[in-house]
Protein backbone atom coordinates (compact mmCIF):
# COMPACT_ATOMS: atom_id res chain seq x y z
CA UNK A 1 82.50 117.40 112.79
CA UNK A 2 84.42 114.38 111.53
CA UNK A 3 85.33 113.33 108.02
CA UNK A 4 82.93 111.02 106.23
CA UNK A 5 84.55 107.61 106.74
CA UNK A 6 81.71 105.67 105.05
CA UNK A 7 82.55 105.87 101.39
CA UNK A 8 83.23 103.36 98.62
CA UNK A 9 86.69 103.21 97.08
CA UNK A 10 86.72 103.27 93.30
CA UNK A 11 89.74 102.15 91.26
CA UNK A 12 91.50 103.93 88.44
CA UNK A 13 90.79 102.57 84.98
CA UNK A 14 93.64 100.20 84.09
CA UNK A 15 95.93 101.73 81.40
CA UNK A 16 96.11 100.00 78.04
CA UNK A 17 99.88 100.20 77.62
CA UNK A 18 103.03 101.15 79.58
CA UNK A 19 103.61 104.83 80.39
CA UNK A 20 100.12 105.79 79.30
CA UNK A 21 99.50 107.27 82.73
CA UNK A 22 102.09 108.30 85.33
CA UNK A 23 101.60 109.39 88.93
CA UNK A 24 104.11 111.44 90.89
CA UNK A 25 104.73 112.78 94.36
CA UNK A 26 107.43 114.27 96.60
CA UNK A 27 108.54 112.97 99.99
CA UNK A 28 111.13 114.24 102.52
CA UNK A 29 113.87 112.08 104.01
CA UNK A 30 116.73 113.18 106.28
CA UNK A 31 116.43 116.83 105.28
CA UNK A 32 116.24 116.14 101.52
CA UNK A 33 113.28 116.13 99.13
CA UNK A 34 112.81 113.30 96.62
CA UNK A 35 110.67 113.24 93.50
CA UNK A 36 108.95 109.89 92.81
CA UNK A 37 107.23 108.86 89.59
CA UNK A 38 105.42 105.56 88.99
CA UNK A 39 104.02 104.16 85.77
CA UNK A 40 100.47 103.07 86.58
CA UNK A 41 100.66 100.12 84.14
CA UNK A 42 104.05 98.50 84.78
CA UNK A 43 104.59 100.05 88.27
CA UNK A 44 108.06 101.13 87.05
CA UNK A 45 109.46 103.43 89.79
CA UNK A 46 111.80 106.36 89.36
CA UNK A 47 113.19 108.57 92.12
CA UNK A 48 115.31 111.72 92.01
CA UNK A 49 116.82 113.78 94.80
CA UNK A 50 115.90 117.44 94.48
CA UNK A 51 118.68 119.98 95.00
CA UNK A 52 116.43 123.05 95.15
CA UNK A 53 112.70 123.36 95.99
CA UNK A 54 111.75 124.75 92.58
CA UNK A 55 109.33 123.66 89.87
CA UNK A 56 111.96 124.18 87.17
CA UNK A 57 114.10 121.37 88.57
CA UNK A 58 111.08 119.04 88.68
CA UNK A 59 110.35 119.90 85.05
CA UNK A 60 113.90 119.09 83.95
CA UNK A 61 113.84 115.72 85.76
CA UNK A 62 110.56 114.47 84.35
CA UNK A 63 111.50 115.83 80.93
CA UNK A 64 114.42 113.37 80.91
CA UNK A 65 112.08 110.54 81.83
CA UNK A 66 109.64 111.47 79.06
CA UNK A 67 112.54 111.44 76.57
CA UNK A 68 113.49 107.89 77.64
CA UNK A 69 109.99 106.37 77.79
CA UNK A 70 107.70 108.76 75.92
CA UNK A 71 105.14 111.28 77.09
CA UNK A 72 102.18 109.94 79.07
CA UNK A 73 98.60 110.88 78.29
CA UNK A 74 97.79 111.76 81.91
CA UNK A 75 99.88 112.82 84.90
CA UNK A 76 98.38 112.25 88.36
CA UNK A 77 99.73 114.43 91.16
CA UNK A 78 98.62 116.22 94.31
CA UNK A 79 98.31 119.94 95.00
CA UNK A 80 101.80 120.82 96.30
CA UNK A 81 103.38 124.01 94.99
CA UNK A 82 105.85 122.08 92.80
CA UNK A 83 102.98 120.79 90.63
CA UNK A 84 100.55 123.72 90.71
CA UNK A 85 102.95 126.48 89.65
CA UNK A 86 102.45 128.42 86.44
CA UNK A 87 105.65 127.00 84.92
CA UNK A 88 104.58 123.41 85.52
CA UNK A 89 101.11 123.96 84.07
CA UNK A 90 102.58 125.56 80.96
CA UNK A 91 105.06 122.68 80.59
CA UNK A 92 102.30 120.04 80.64
CA UNK A 93 100.21 122.08 78.22
CA UNK A 94 103.11 122.43 75.77
CA UNK A 95 103.77 118.67 75.66
CA UNK A 96 100.05 117.76 75.52
CA UNK A 97 99.82 115.91 78.86
CA UNK A 98 96.56 116.06 80.78
CA UNK A 99 97.08 116.82 84.50
CA UNK A 100 94.88 115.11 87.10
CA UNK A 101 95.04 116.41 90.67
CA UNK A 102 93.96 114.53 93.77
CA UNK A 103 91.28 116.06 95.96
CA UNK A 104 92.32 118.18 98.96
CA UNK A 105 92.31 116.24 102.25
CA UNK A 106 92.19 112.98 100.27
CA UNK A 107 95.72 111.74 99.61
CA UNK A 108 94.41 108.24 98.80
CA UNK A 109 93.45 109.57 95.37
CA UNK A 110 97.16 109.33 94.56
CA UNK A 111 97.61 106.11 96.50
CA UNK A 112 100.04 104.40 94.10
CA UNK A 113 102.59 107.20 94.44
CA UNK A 114 102.05 107.40 98.22
CA UNK A 115 102.64 103.66 98.55
CA UNK A 116 105.80 103.87 96.44
CA UNK A 117 107.00 106.74 98.64
CA UNK A 118 106.88 104.50 101.69
CA UNK A 119 108.50 101.58 99.86
CA UNK A 120 111.44 103.64 98.60
CA UNK A 121 111.83 105.48 101.91
CA UNK A 122 111.95 102.27 103.97
CA UNK A 123 114.22 100.49 101.48
CA UNK A 124 116.60 103.43 101.25
CA UNK A 125 117.00 103.61 105.03
CA UNK A 126 117.96 99.95 105.14
CA UNK A 127 120.21 100.24 102.07
CA UNK A 128 122.27 103.03 103.63
CA UNK A 129 123.15 100.68 106.49
CA UNK A 130 124.87 98.37 103.97
CA UNK A 131 126.52 101.24 102.05
CA UNK A 132 124.10 100.98 99.12
CA UNK A 133 122.54 103.88 97.22
CA UNK A 134 119.22 104.96 95.77
CA UNK A 135 120.22 103.40 92.44
CA UNK A 136 120.55 99.99 94.09
CA UNK A 137 117.08 100.34 95.63
CA UNK A 138 115.49 101.25 92.30
CA UNK A 139 117.26 98.39 90.51
CA UNK A 140 115.84 95.89 93.01
CA UNK A 141 112.30 97.30 92.82
CA UNK A 142 112.30 97.27 89.03
CA UNK A 143 113.37 93.61 88.90
CA UNK A 144 111.02 92.29 91.59
CA UNK A 145 107.81 90.56 90.35
CA UNK A 146 104.61 92.41 91.21
CA UNK A 147 102.80 89.36 92.50
CA UNK A 148 101.12 86.13 91.54
CA UNK A 149 101.31 85.63 87.76
CA UNK A 150 102.49 89.22 87.25
CA UNK A 151 106.09 89.84 86.11
CA UNK A 152 108.43 92.59 87.25
CA UNK A 153 108.11 96.24 86.16
CA UNK A 154 111.13 95.74 83.90
CA UNK A 155 109.37 92.94 81.99
CA UNK A 156 106.09 94.86 81.75
CA UNK A 157 107.83 97.99 80.47
CA UNK A 158 110.74 96.63 78.40
CA UNK A 159 109.58 93.03 77.78
CA UNK A 160 112.74 91.58 79.34
CA UNK A 161 114.48 91.17 82.68
CA UNK A 162 117.38 93.45 83.53
CA UNK A 163 120.83 92.04 84.21
CA UNK A 164 121.88 93.12 87.69
CA UNK A 165 122.32 91.94 91.26
CA UNK A 166 119.25 89.67 90.96
CA UNK A 167 120.56 86.82 88.83
CA UNK A 168 118.49 85.61 85.87
CA UNK A 169 118.76 82.67 83.53
CA UNK A 170 120.05 83.49 80.03
CA UNK A 171 116.64 83.05 78.39
CA UNK A 172 115.06 85.45 80.92
CA UNK A 173 117.25 88.28 79.63
CA UNK A 174 115.74 87.94 76.15
CA UNK A 175 112.36 89.44 75.07
CA UNK A 176 109.56 87.57 76.83
CA UNK A 177 106.82 88.16 74.25
CA UNK A 178 104.11 89.21 76.68
CA UNK A 179 100.48 89.22 75.58
CA UNK A 180 98.87 92.48 76.69
CA UNK A 181 95.41 90.89 76.78
CA UNK A 182 96.50 88.30 79.35
CA UNK A 183 98.29 90.92 81.43
CA UNK A 184 95.18 93.12 81.44
CA UNK A 185 93.04 90.22 82.70
CA UNK A 186 95.49 89.61 85.55
CA UNK A 187 95.38 93.29 86.50
CA UNK A 188 91.59 93.23 86.51
CA UNK A 189 91.57 90.13 88.71
CA UNK A 190 94.02 91.68 91.17
CA UNK A 191 92.04 94.93 91.26
CA UNK A 192 88.78 93.07 91.90
CA UNK A 193 90.30 91.15 94.80
CA UNK A 194 91.58 94.38 96.35
CA UNK A 195 88.16 96.01 96.05
CA UNK A 196 86.46 93.02 97.65
CA UNK A 197 88.83 93.15 100.62
CA UNK A 198 88.82 96.92 101.15
CA UNK A 199 85.28 98.09 100.34
CA UNK A 200 83.56 97.28 103.61
CA UNK A 201 81.66 100.56 103.90
CA UNK A 202 79.16 102.36 101.67
CA UNK A 203 77.98 105.91 101.49
CA UNK A 204 74.99 106.74 103.68
CA UNK A 205 73.64 109.00 100.95
CA UNK A 206 74.45 110.22 97.46
CA UNK A 207 75.67 113.64 96.36
CA UNK A 208 74.54 115.69 93.38
CA UNK A 209 74.59 119.22 92.00
CA UNK A 210 72.64 121.87 93.99
CA UNK A 211 72.74 119.73 97.12
CA UNK A 212 73.36 121.63 100.37
CA UNK A 213 76.31 120.25 102.32
CA UNK A 214 78.90 120.94 105.00
CA UNK A 215 82.39 121.37 103.49
CA UNK A 216 85.68 120.94 105.33
CA UNK A 217 87.93 123.99 105.02
CA UNK A 218 90.73 123.10 107.42
CA UNK A 219 91.33 121.08 110.57
CA UNK A 220 88.07 121.10 112.58
CA UNK A 221 86.69 123.96 110.48
CA UNK A 222 83.57 123.35 108.40
CA UNK A 223 81.30 125.70 106.46
CA UNK A 224 77.92 125.45 104.76
CA UNK A 225 77.92 125.34 101.00
CA UNK A 226 76.16 124.16 97.85
CA UNK A 227 77.47 121.70 95.26
CA UNK A 228 77.75 123.62 91.99
CA UNK A 229 79.59 121.23 89.69
CA UNK A 230 80.97 117.72 89.41
CA UNK A 231 84.77 117.64 89.23
CA UNK A 232 86.78 115.65 86.67
CA UNK A 233 87.00 112.68 89.04
CA UNK A 234 83.84 110.73 90.02
CA UNK A 235 83.95 111.35 93.77
CA UNK A 236 84.90 115.06 93.78
CA UNK A 237 82.72 118.15 93.62
CA UNK A 238 83.08 121.91 93.51
CA UNK A 239 81.41 123.60 96.48
CA UNK A 240 80.35 127.28 96.63
CA UNK A 241 80.23 128.82 100.09
CA UNK A 242 78.05 131.69 101.27
CA UNK A 243 80.81 134.23 100.56
CA UNK A 244 81.08 133.08 96.93
CA UNK A 245 84.35 131.17 97.26
CA UNK A 246 84.55 127.82 95.44
CA UNK A 247 86.45 124.80 96.77
CA UNK A 248 87.05 121.34 95.37
CA UNK A 249 86.47 118.50 97.82
CA UNK A 250 86.21 114.73 97.83
CA UNK A 251 83.03 113.23 99.28
CA UNK A 252 85.11 112.20 102.29
CA UNK A 253 85.34 115.90 103.22
CA UNK A 254 81.61 116.53 102.68
CA UNK A 255 78.64 115.97 104.96
CA UNK A 256 74.95 116.42 104.05
CA UNK A 257 73.29 119.45 105.61
CA UNK A 258 70.68 117.84 107.85
CA UNK A 259 68.72 121.10 108.16
CA UNK A 260 67.94 120.76 104.42
CA UNK A 261 67.17 117.04 104.54
CA UNK A 262 63.88 117.21 102.59
CA UNK A 263 65.40 119.40 99.88
CA UNK A 264 68.44 117.18 99.49
CA UNK A 265 66.29 114.05 99.41
CA UNK A 266 64.29 115.38 96.46
CA UNK A 267 67.47 116.28 94.55
CA UNK A 268 68.99 112.82 95.14
CA UNK A 269 65.90 110.97 93.96
CA UNK A 270 65.59 113.17 90.87
CA UNK A 271 69.27 112.57 90.09
CA UNK A 272 68.83 108.80 90.46
CA UNK A 273 65.89 108.83 88.05
CA UNK A 274 67.93 110.80 85.49
CA UNK A 275 70.82 108.34 85.72
CA UNK A 276 68.56 105.34 85.31
CA UNK A 277 66.86 106.84 82.24
CA UNK A 278 70.25 107.72 80.76
CA UNK A 279 71.57 104.17 81.23
CA UNK A 280 68.43 102.61 79.77
CA UNK A 281 68.51 104.91 76.71
CA UNK A 282 72.20 104.54 75.89
CA UNK A 283 72.60 100.82 76.75
CA UNK A 284 76.19 101.53 77.66
CA UNK A 285 78.63 98.62 77.75
CA UNK A 286 80.76 100.22 80.47
CA UNK A 287 81.12 98.52 83.83
CA UNK A 288 78.66 100.02 86.32
CA UNK A 289 78.43 99.86 90.10
CA UNK A 290 75.06 99.87 91.91
CA UNK A 291 74.95 102.32 94.81
CA UNK A 292 72.02 102.14 97.16
CA UNK A 293 70.38 105.29 98.52
CA UNK A 294 69.67 105.16 102.23
CA UNK A 295 66.41 107.11 101.99
CA UNK A 296 64.27 104.75 99.91
CA UNK A 297 66.60 101.87 99.07
CA UNK A 298 66.66 102.87 95.41
CA UNK A 299 69.59 102.03 93.16
CA UNK A 300 71.77 104.57 91.36
CA UNK A 301 74.31 103.64 88.68
CA UNK A 302 77.71 105.30 88.54
CA UNK A 303 80.75 104.61 86.34
CA UNK A 304 83.43 102.25 87.61
CA UNK A 305 86.18 104.85 87.81
CA UNK A 306 88.20 106.50 90.57
CA UNK A 307 88.86 109.50 92.65
């Protein structure tokens, strides 16, 4: 059984200010492990070489970053042992940072950190040829504009360009006086363009609590289960198997149980009706996405968030 490739990508909500939300990941290169953190607002990258594969070293490194730039409200990371250890969980709880984990078998949930991994890895390989270091790579990335009408991470985070190998005019080294409202509109425009280009597929059916599904356990191993609860991210669910074990999975790793088609169809339609009544009663101002059910062509409304 293959993974469900027909699913709609949903973006993260754009942060309101720099360092409000940070994502992190670890990548290997030439026998060494590197810790990468990225501010989801300014795209400010940071990278540290790990000396020992221990959570305590990761804690000390990100603690320094939080001292320099402040503690974020949320920290997005995957499920590697560095970030799921007892020490790391206690550290985030003590400093009042909410952890958000990506779904198993769905690394795209932490796509910003994964993309930065590749950027730093490729840049570092080329830099070593010219006798440059990781610090030179980070300095270049922090001073490079993000795109059309978007300044560099240094400007978005510190409101000024950094003096370094990339030469700037004298007035560019002074505070730029950015207007956060204009920057937010540019981020929204860029995000909308990316969604339009990438979302070419839609889900063949919806998912809801008590629905019977097939759940991926490992490579080419699937098991029957029932959705028991919606996870903290919009496209993830907790699945209970026949033996009582509970797993968290993204909808990409779920498939409807065709032997229970009639039962699932009734649950989906009832769930759609509940969502429509809820939206009509609350008159919410939040951005909503229409998702069409394949059974009867009915429309469900889900929040414009992310997994």
